Structure formats: structure tokens, C-alpha cells
Amino acid sequence: MMKAFVKENSFVLLFMAVTIIAGIILIFSISEEQHSYKEIVVQEGDSLWSIAGQYNKVNGMDEEDFIMWVQKENKLRSAKIVPGDTLIIPIASSSAYLDKEVAFKGE
């Protein structure tokens, strides 16, 4: 009886299996893209506001939202950062903008 059921519904069962596998692959590929953010090292004179001002045109966030995101994702209790800190910022690591050299004041 089970063999007959499988034989009669083999196309449906195969379709369901392929759909489930494709869904799982899609979910993992989307989650990787969403969490592929740029990591930066804080330099002398940097603040969350200066970093937000530098990158706000790339990510589409206003400066306050950018700072709140950085504080939450980096588990910062305040807006204070020090040179040498490593921060994750909400900029896609594959962004074409990031491949260009950026000049900072005093360099």
C-alpha cells in the first residue's frame, strides 16, 4: 500500500523535496547578504557622529539611526569610542563605494 502511494505520487513528493531544499538555500543566502557588513577600526579623532557623517549617503540612514544601529550591533553602552576599537557598520561589505580610497582630514 505504501509503495503504491509513493509510486502514484512520486512527482509530487519530488517537487516538494526540491521546493524545500531550494527554500532552505534561499533563506541562508539571504541571511548571509544581510549580515555582510563592513568592519572598521576607529582612528584618532573619530566619533560615532563623524563616522555616521562619512557613511550616511552610502547606507541611506540618517546619522541618528546609524549611531543607534552601531551602538546596538556592537553592544556599546555609550557613544564613546576609542582609537583601535573595531566596529561593525551598516554598510554592505561589497559596496563599490568602499573600494575607493577616502581622504580624511589631516592626511
N, C-alpha and C. Protein backbone atom coordinates (compact mmCIF):
# COMPACT_ATOMS: atom_id res chain seq x y z
N MET A 1 0.82 -1.19 0.00
CA MET A 1 0.00 0.00 0.00
C MET A 1 0.87 1.27 0.00
N MET A 2 1.90 1.33 0.84
CA MET A 2 2.80 2.48 0.89
C MET A 2 3.55 2.62 -0.43
N LYS A 3 3.99 1.50 -1.00
CA LYS A 3 4.71 1.55 -2.27
C LYS A 3 3.82 2.12 -3.37
N ALA A 4 2.57 1.74 -3.35
CA ALA A 4 1.63 2.24 -4.36
C ALA A 4 1.43 3.75 -4.19
N PHE A 5 1.33 4.22 -2.96
CA PHE A 5 1.16 5.65 -2.70
C PHE A 5 2.38 6.43 -3.21
N VAL A 6 3.58 5.94 -2.88
CA VAL A 6 4.81 6.60 -3.31
C VAL A 6 4.90 6.60 -4.83
N LYS A 7 4.58 5.48 -5.44
CA LYS A 7 4.66 5.36 -6.91
C LYS A 7 3.67 6.31 -7.58
N GLU A 8 2.45 6.41 -7.07
CA GLU A 8 1.44 7.26 -7.66
C GLU A 8 1.73 8.75 -7.45
N ASN A 9 2.41 9.08 -6.36
CA ASN A 9 2.66 10.48 -6.02
C ASN A 9 4.14 10.85 -6.09
N SER A 10 4.92 10.13 -6.82
CA SER A 10 6.37 10.37 -6.86
C SER A 10 6.70 11.77 -7.38
N PHE A 11 5.97 12.24 -8.38
CA PHE A 11 6.23 13.57 -8.91
C PHE A 11 5.95 14.64 -7.84
N VAL A 12 4.86 14.51 -7.14
CA VAL A 12 4.50 15.48 -6.10
C VAL A 12 5.53 15.45 -4.97
N LEU A 13 5.93 14.28 -4.55
CA LEU A 13 6.92 14.15 -3.47
C LEU A 13 8.26 14.74 -3.89
N LEU A 14 8.68 14.48 -5.12
CA LEU A 14 9.94 15.03 -5.64
C LEU A 14 9.86 16.55 -5.70
N PHE A 15 8.74 17.07 -6.19
CA PHE A 15 8.55 18.51 -6.26
C PHE A 15 8.62 19.16 -4.88
N MET A 16 7.98 18.54 -3.90
CA MET A 16 8.01 19.06 -2.53
C MET A 16 9.43 19.05 -1.97
N ALA A 17 10.17 17.99 -2.20
CA ALA A 17 11.55 17.90 -1.70
C ALA A 17 12.42 18.98 -2.32
N VAL A 18 12.33 19.17 -3.63
CA VAL A 18 13.12 20.19 -4.32
C VAL A 18 12.74 21.58 -3.82
N THR A 19 11.46 21.83 -3.62
CA THR A 19 11.00 23.13 -3.13
C THR A 19 11.54 23.42 -1.73
N ILE A 20 11.51 22.44 -0.86
CA ILE A 20 12.02 22.62 0.50
C ILE A 20 13.52 22.90 0.48
N ILE A 21 14.27 22.15 -0.31
CA ILE A 21 15.72 22.36 -0.39
C ILE A 21 16.03 23.74 -0.97
N ALA A 22 15.32 24.14 -2.02
CA ALA A 22 15.54 25.47 -2.61
C ALA A 22 15.20 26.57 -1.60
N GLY A 23 14.16 26.38 -0.82
CA GLY A 23 13.79 27.37 0.20
C GLY A 23 14.86 27.52 1.26
N ILE A 24 15.41 26.42 1.70
CA ILE A 24 16.47 26.45 2.71
C ILE A 24 17.70 27.17 2.17
N ILE A 25 18.07 26.87 0.94
CA ILE A 25 19.23 27.53 0.32
C ILE A 25 18.97 29.02 0.20
N LEU A 26 17.78 29.41 -0.21
CA LEU A 26 17.43 30.82 -0.36
C LEU A 26 17.49 31.55 0.98
N ILE A 27 16.98 30.93 2.01
CA ILE A 27 16.99 31.55 3.35
C ILE A 27 18.42 31.80 3.81
N PHE A 28 19.31 30.83 3.63
CA PHE A 28 20.69 31.01 4.06
C PHE A 28 21.42 32.03 3.21
N SER A 29 21.14 32.09 1.93
CA SER A 29 21.83 33.08 1.09
C SER A 29 21.37 34.49 1.41
N ILE A 30 20.10 34.67 1.72
CA ILE A 30 19.59 36.00 2.09
C ILE A 30 20.17 36.43 3.43
N SER A 31 20.23 35.54 4.40
CA SER A 31 20.75 35.92 5.71
C SER A 31 22.23 36.26 5.64
N GLU A 32 23.00 35.61 4.77
CA GLU A 32 24.41 35.96 4.61
C GLU A 32 24.57 37.36 4.05
N GLU A 33 23.75 37.72 3.05
CA GLU A 33 23.84 39.04 2.45
C GLU A 33 23.48 40.12 3.46
N GLN A 34 22.48 39.88 4.28
CA GLN A 34 22.05 40.88 5.24
C GLN A 34 23.08 41.12 6.33
N HIS A 35 23.92 40.14 6.63
CA HIS A 35 24.87 40.28 7.72
C HIS A 35 26.29 40.46 7.22
N SER A 36 26.43 40.89 5.99
CA SER A 36 27.75 41.10 5.42
C SER A 36 28.09 42.59 5.50
N TYR A 37 28.37 43.04 6.70
CA TYR A 37 28.63 44.46 6.92
C TYR A 37 30.12 44.75 7.01
N LYS A 38 30.46 46.03 6.82
CA LYS A 38 31.85 46.47 6.85
C LYS A 38 32.34 46.58 8.29
N GLU A 39 33.56 46.17 8.49
CA GLU A 39 34.21 46.29 9.79
C GLU A 39 35.27 47.37 9.66
N ILE A 40 35.26 48.33 10.57
CA ILE A 40 36.25 49.40 10.53
C ILE A 40 36.99 49.47 11.86
N VAL A 41 38.17 50.05 11.83
CA VAL A 41 38.95 50.29 13.03
C VAL A 41 38.91 51.80 13.30
N VAL A 42 38.53 52.16 14.51
CA VAL A 42 38.42 53.56 14.90
C VAL A 42 39.80 54.20 14.89
N GLN A 43 39.88 55.37 14.27
CA GLN A 43 41.13 56.13 14.18
C GLN A 43 41.09 57.30 15.18
N GLU A 44 42.24 57.88 15.43
CA GLU A 44 42.35 59.05 16.31
C GLU A 44 41.44 60.15 15.77
N GLY A 45 40.62 60.74 16.62
CA GLY A 45 39.73 61.82 16.23
C GLY A 45 38.37 61.36 15.72
N ASP A 46 38.17 60.06 15.53
CA ASP A 46 36.87 59.55 15.09
C ASP A 46 35.86 59.60 16.23
N SER A 47 34.61 59.82 15.86
CA SER A 47 33.49 59.70 16.79
C SER A 47 32.38 58.99 16.02
N LEU A 48 31.37 58.53 16.73
CA LEU A 48 30.26 57.90 16.02
C LEU A 48 29.60 58.90 15.07
N TRP A 49 29.56 60.16 15.47
CA TRP A 49 28.96 61.19 14.60
C TRP A 49 29.78 61.40 13.34
N SER A 50 31.11 61.42 13.45
CA SER A 50 31.94 61.63 12.25
C SER A 50 31.87 60.42 11.32
N ILE A 51 31.82 59.23 11.91
CA ILE A 51 31.70 58.01 11.10
C ILE A 51 30.33 57.98 10.42
N ALA A 52 29.28 58.35 11.15
CA ALA A 52 27.94 58.40 10.57
C ALA A 52 27.88 59.41 9.43
N GLY A 53 28.51 60.56 9.63
CA GLY A 53 28.54 61.57 8.58
C GLY A 53 29.28 61.11 7.33
N GLN A 54 30.29 60.30 7.54
CA GLN A 54 31.08 59.79 6.41
C GLN A 54 30.31 58.77 5.59
N TYR A 55 29.50 57.93 6.24
CA TYR A 55 28.86 56.82 5.55
C TYR A 55 27.35 56.97 5.35
N ASN A 56 26.73 58.05 5.82
CA ASN A 56 25.27 58.12 5.76
C ASN A 56 24.71 58.15 4.35
N LYS A 57 25.45 58.64 3.38
CA LYS A 57 24.96 58.66 2.00
C LYS A 57 25.01 57.28 1.37
N VAL A 58 25.88 56.42 1.86
CA VAL A 58 26.03 55.08 1.31
C VAL A 58 24.91 54.16 1.78
N ASN A 59 24.51 54.28 3.05
CA ASN A 59 23.54 53.33 3.59
C ASN A 59 22.11 53.86 3.62
N GLY A 60 21.90 55.13 3.37
CA GLY A 60 20.55 55.68 3.34
C GLY A 60 19.95 55.97 4.70
N MET A 61 20.70 55.78 5.78
CA MET A 61 20.19 56.07 7.13
C MET A 61 20.55 57.51 7.49
N ASP A 62 19.73 58.11 8.35
CA ASP A 62 20.18 59.40 8.87
C ASP A 62 21.19 59.12 9.99
N GLU A 63 21.90 60.14 10.41
CA GLU A 63 23.01 59.95 11.35
C GLU A 63 22.55 59.35 12.68
N GLU A 64 21.42 59.77 13.18
CA GLU A 64 20.94 59.24 14.47
C GLU A 64 20.62 57.76 14.38
N ASP A 65 19.95 57.35 13.30
CA ASP A 65 19.64 55.92 13.12
C ASP A 65 20.92 55.10 12.95
N PHE A 66 21.88 55.66 12.22
CA PHE A 66 23.17 55.00 12.03
C PHE A 66 23.84 54.75 13.38
N ILE A 67 23.90 55.79 14.21
CA ILE A 67 24.56 55.68 15.52
C ILE A 67 23.83 54.68 16.42
N MET A 68 22.51 54.72 16.42
CA MET A 68 21.76 53.76 17.23
C MET A 68 22.02 52.33 16.76
N TRP A 69 22.08 52.12 15.43
CA TRP A 69 22.35 50.79 14.88
C TRP A 69 23.74 50.32 15.32
N VAL A 70 24.74 51.20 15.17
CA VAL A 70 26.12 50.84 15.54
C VAL A 70 26.21 50.51 17.03
N GLN A 71 25.58 51.31 17.87
CA GLN A 71 25.60 51.05 19.31
C GLN A 71 24.96 49.70 19.63
N LYS A 72 23.83 49.41 19.02
CA LYS A 72 23.13 48.15 19.29
C LYS A 72 23.93 46.95 18.80
N GLU A 73 24.38 46.98 17.55
CA GLU A 73 25.07 45.84 16.95
C GLU A 73 26.44 45.58 17.56
N ASN A 74 27.09 46.65 18.05
CA ASN A 74 28.41 46.50 18.65
C ASN A 74 28.33 46.44 20.18
N LYS A 75 27.11 46.42 20.70
CA LYS A 75 26.86 46.33 22.14
C LYS A 75 27.59 47.43 22.92
N LEU A 76 27.51 48.65 22.39
CA LEU A 76 28.12 49.80 23.06
C LEU A 76 27.13 50.38 24.06
N ARG A 77 27.58 50.66 25.25
CA ARG A 77 26.71 51.23 26.28
C ARG A 77 26.61 52.74 26.16
N SER A 78 27.56 53.34 25.44
CA SER A 78 27.52 54.78 25.23
C SER A 78 28.04 55.05 23.82
N ALA A 79 28.08 56.33 23.47
CA ALA A 79 28.57 56.72 22.15
C ALA A 79 30.08 56.90 22.14
N LYS A 80 30.74 56.60 23.25
CA LYS A 80 32.18 56.80 23.34
C LYS A 80 32.91 55.64 22.66
N ILE A 81 33.80 56.00 21.74
CA ILE A 81 34.67 55.02 21.08
C ILE A 81 36.10 55.52 21.18
N VAL A 82 37.05 54.61 21.15
CA VAL A 82 38.45 54.99 21.27
C VAL A 82 39.24 54.41 20.10
N PRO A 83 40.36 55.07 19.75
CA PRO A 83 41.17 54.55 18.66
C PRO A 83 41.57 53.09 18.90
N GLY A 84 41.46 52.29 17.85
CA GLY A 84 41.78 50.88 17.95
C GLY A 84 40.54 50.00 18.09
N ASP A 85 39.40 50.60 18.51
CA ASP A 85 38.16 49.83 18.58
C ASP A 85 37.80 49.34 17.18
N THR A 86 37.22 48.16 17.10
CA THR A 86 36.72 47.63 15.84
C THR A 86 35.20 47.71 15.89
N LEU A 87 34.60 48.31 14.86
CA LEU A 87 33.15 48.46 14.81
C LEU A 87 32.59 47.84 13.53
N ILE A 88 31.43 47.25 13.67
CA ILE A 88 30.66 46.81 12.51
C ILE A 88 29.73 47.97 12.17
N ILE A 89 29.73 48.38 10.90
CA ILE A 89 28.85 49.47 10.49
C ILE A 89 27.90 48.97 9.40
N PRO A 90 26.71 49.58 9.30
CA PRO A 90 25.69 49.10 8.38
C PRO A 90 25.94 49.49 6.93
N ILE A 91 27.06 49.05 6.41
CA ILE A 91 27.44 49.26 5.02
C ILE A 91 27.75 47.89 4.46
N ALA A 92 27.15 47.54 3.34
CA ALA A 92 27.43 46.24 2.73
C ALA A 92 28.91 46.16 2.41
N SER A 93 29.55 45.07 2.80
CA SER A 93 30.99 44.93 2.59
C SER A 93 31.35 44.86 1.12
N SER A 94 30.37 44.58 0.24
CA SER A 94 30.66 44.50 -1.18
C SER A 94 30.33 45.80 -1.91
N SER A 95 30.03 46.86 -1.18
CA SER A 95 29.66 48.13 -1.80
C SER A 95 30.81 48.68 -2.64
N ALA A 96 30.50 49.15 -3.84
CA ALA A 96 31.51 49.72 -4.73
C ALA A 96 32.15 50.95 -4.12
N TYR A 97 31.40 51.69 -3.30
CA TYR A 97 31.92 52.89 -2.65
C TYR A 97 33.10 52.58 -1.77
N LEU A 98 33.11 51.41 -1.16
CA LEU A 98 34.14 51.07 -0.21
C LEU A 98 35.46 50.72 -0.87
N ASP A 99 35.44 50.44 -2.18
CA ASP A 99 36.66 50.11 -2.88
C ASP A 99 37.49 51.34 -3.20
N LYS A 100 36.90 52.52 -3.03
CA LYS A 100 37.60 53.77 -3.34
C LYS A 100 38.31 54.27 -2.10
N GLU A 101 39.41 54.95 -2.31
CA GLU A 101 40.15 55.47 -1.18
C GLU A 101 39.48 56.74 -0.68
N VAL A 102 39.35 56.88 0.60
CA VAL A 102 38.71 58.04 1.21
C VAL A 102 39.77 58.85 1.94
N ALA A 103 39.82 60.16 1.67
CA ALA A 103 40.78 61.02 2.33
C ALA A 103 40.17 61.56 3.62
N PHE A 104 40.93 61.56 4.68
CA PHE A 104 40.50 62.09 5.96
C PHE A 104 41.23 63.39 6.24
N LYS A 105 40.65 64.22 7.08
CA LYS A 105 41.31 65.46 7.47
C LYS A 105 42.65 65.14 8.13
N GLY A 106 43.65 65.91 7.78
CA GLY A 106 44.95 65.74 8.40
C GLY A 106 45.82 64.69 7.74
N GLU A 107 45.36 64.09 6.67
CA GLU A 107 46.19 63.08 5.99
C GLU A 107 46.70 63.60 4.67
